[in-house]
Structure formats: structure tokens, C-alpha cells
């Protein structure tokens, strides 16, 4: 059984990490938009679409998958904490 203070620490750490990753996604969104404006191409399927924007989109998608996984873990930690409190 995990002590309650460790659960709170884990929850806080996960929340901080998720917030940081969301901020990085916003930065990537801004960088993608800047690159699209610079190249004057906003359609990712166009042949002239910038390689940098393609790479940044890939990074952004990876971060979004990571955020979803961390949110699932956060829900698991929260439910385990609730179960411990009930016991």
C-alpha cells in the first residue's frame, strides 16, 4: 500500500509534467504556424509544404500521445488514492 503523501506527490508531479507538455505543444503550434506563413503553404499534403513543419507536427503528435498516456496514469493514481482513503 502506497502512503498518502507519496500519492499526492505523484499526482502533483504528473499534473506539472502534463502542464509543461501542453505548454510545449502550444509552442510547437506557434512554430508550425510561423513556418507555414514563411513558406506560404499551409496544406500538409502539398509538395511544397516545409519539411520543418512536417517534423514539428510529428513532435506535436508524439507529445499529445504522451499527454494522453500521462492523463490515464493520473486517473489511475487518483482512483488508487480514492480506494486507499475508502479502506
Protein backbone atom coordinates (compact mmCIF):
# COMPACT_ATOMS: atom_id res chain seq x y z
CA UNK A 1 0.00 0.00 0.00
CA UNK A 2 1.34 3.41 -1.01
CA UNK A 3 1.41 6.12 1.66
CA UNK A 4 -0.97 9.02 1.01
CA UNK A 5 1.77 11.67 0.81
CA UNK A 6 3.52 9.75 -1.99
CA UNK A 7 0.25 9.63 -3.93
CA UNK A 8 -0.17 13.38 -3.56
CA UNK A 9 3.41 13.93 -4.68
CA UNK A 10 2.92 11.64 -7.68
CA UNK A 11 -0.29 13.42 -8.59
CA UNK A 12 1.35 16.83 -8.35
CA UNK A 13 4.34 15.70 -10.41
CA UNK A 14 2.09 14.24 -13.11
CA UNK A 15 -0.02 17.39 -13.22
CA UNK A 16 3.10 19.55 -13.53
CA UNK A 17 4.51 17.36 -16.29
CA UNK A 18 1.23 17.41 -18.20
CA UNK A 19 1.03 21.21 -17.91
CA UNK A 20 4.62 21.55 -19.14
CA UNK A 21 3.97 19.27 -22.11
CA UNK A 22 0.80 21.19 -23.02
CA UNK A 23 2.85 24.40 -22.99
CA UNK A 24 5.37 22.78 -25.32
CA UNK A 25 2.54 21.72 -27.65
CA UNK A 26 1.44 25.36 -27.78
CA UNK A 27 4.99 26.42 -28.66
CA UNK A 28 5.11 23.82 -31.42
CA UNK A 29 1.75 25.03 -32.75
CA UNK A 30 3.16 28.54 -32.93
CA UNK A 31 6.34 27.34 -34.64
CA UNK A 32 4.32 25.34 -37.17
CA UNK A 33 2.17 28.35 -37.95
CA UNK A 34 5.24 30.58 -38.34
CA UNK A 35 6.85 28.11 -40.71
CA UNK A 36 3.68 27.75 -42.77
CA UNK A 37 3.40 31.54 -43.05
CA UNK A 38 7.06 31.83 -44.03
CA UNK A 39 6.65 29.21 -46.75
CA UNK A 40 3.15 30.44 -47.68
CA UNK A 41 1.95 26.82 -47.67
CA UNK A 42 -0.47 25.58 -45.01
CA UNK A 43 -1.60 22.30 -46.59
CA UNK A 44 0.45 19.41 -45.13
CA UNK A 45 -0.32 17.29 -48.20
CA UNK A 46 1.18 19.84 -50.62
CA UNK A 47 4.56 19.01 -52.11
CA UNK A 48 5.86 22.46 -51.18
CA UNK A 49 4.94 22.03 -47.50
CA UNK A 50 8.05 22.76 -45.42
CA UNK A 51 9.97 19.80 -44.02
CA UNK A 52 10.44 21.65 -40.72
CA UNK A 53 6.68 21.96 -40.29
CA UNK A 54 6.27 18.24 -41.01
CA UNK A 55 8.86 17.43 -38.35
CA UNK A 56 7.27 19.80 -35.84
CA UNK A 57 3.85 18.24 -36.49
CA UNK A 58 5.32 14.82 -35.74
CA UNK A 59 6.79 16.06 -32.49
CA UNK A 60 3.49 17.68 -31.54
CA UNK A 61 1.58 14.45 -32.20
CA UNK A 62 4.07 12.48 -30.09
CA UNK A 63 3.60 14.93 -27.23
CA UNK A 64 -0.17 14.66 -27.49
CA UNK A 65 0.06 10.86 -27.26
CA UNK A 66 2.35 11.23 -24.24
CA UNK A 67 -0.06 13.67 -22.60
CA UNK A 68 -2.94 11.23 -23.09
CA UNK A 69 -0.93 8.41 -21.51
CA UNK A 70 0.05 10.60 -18.56
CA UNK A 71 -3.57 11.65 -18.05
CA UNK A 72 -4.54 7.97 -17.95
CA UNK A 73 -1.83 7.36 -15.36
CA UNK A 74 -3.05 10.36 -13.37
CA UNK A 75 -6.57 8.93 -13.34
CA UNK A 76 -5.17 5.61 -12.12
CA UNK A 77 -3.22 7.30 -9.32
CA UNK A 78 -6.27 9.33 -8.34
CA UNK A 79 -8.52 6.28 -8.27
CA UNK A 80 -5.94 4.34 -6.22
CA UNK A 81 -5.80 7.25 -3.79
CA UNK A 82 -9.60 7.26 -3.50
CA UNK A 83 -9.58 3.49 -2.93
CA UNK A 84 -6.91 3.87 -0.19
CA UNK A 85 -8.95 6.59 1.53
CA UNK A 86 -12.06 4.41 1.46
CA UNK A 87 -10.24 1.49 3.06
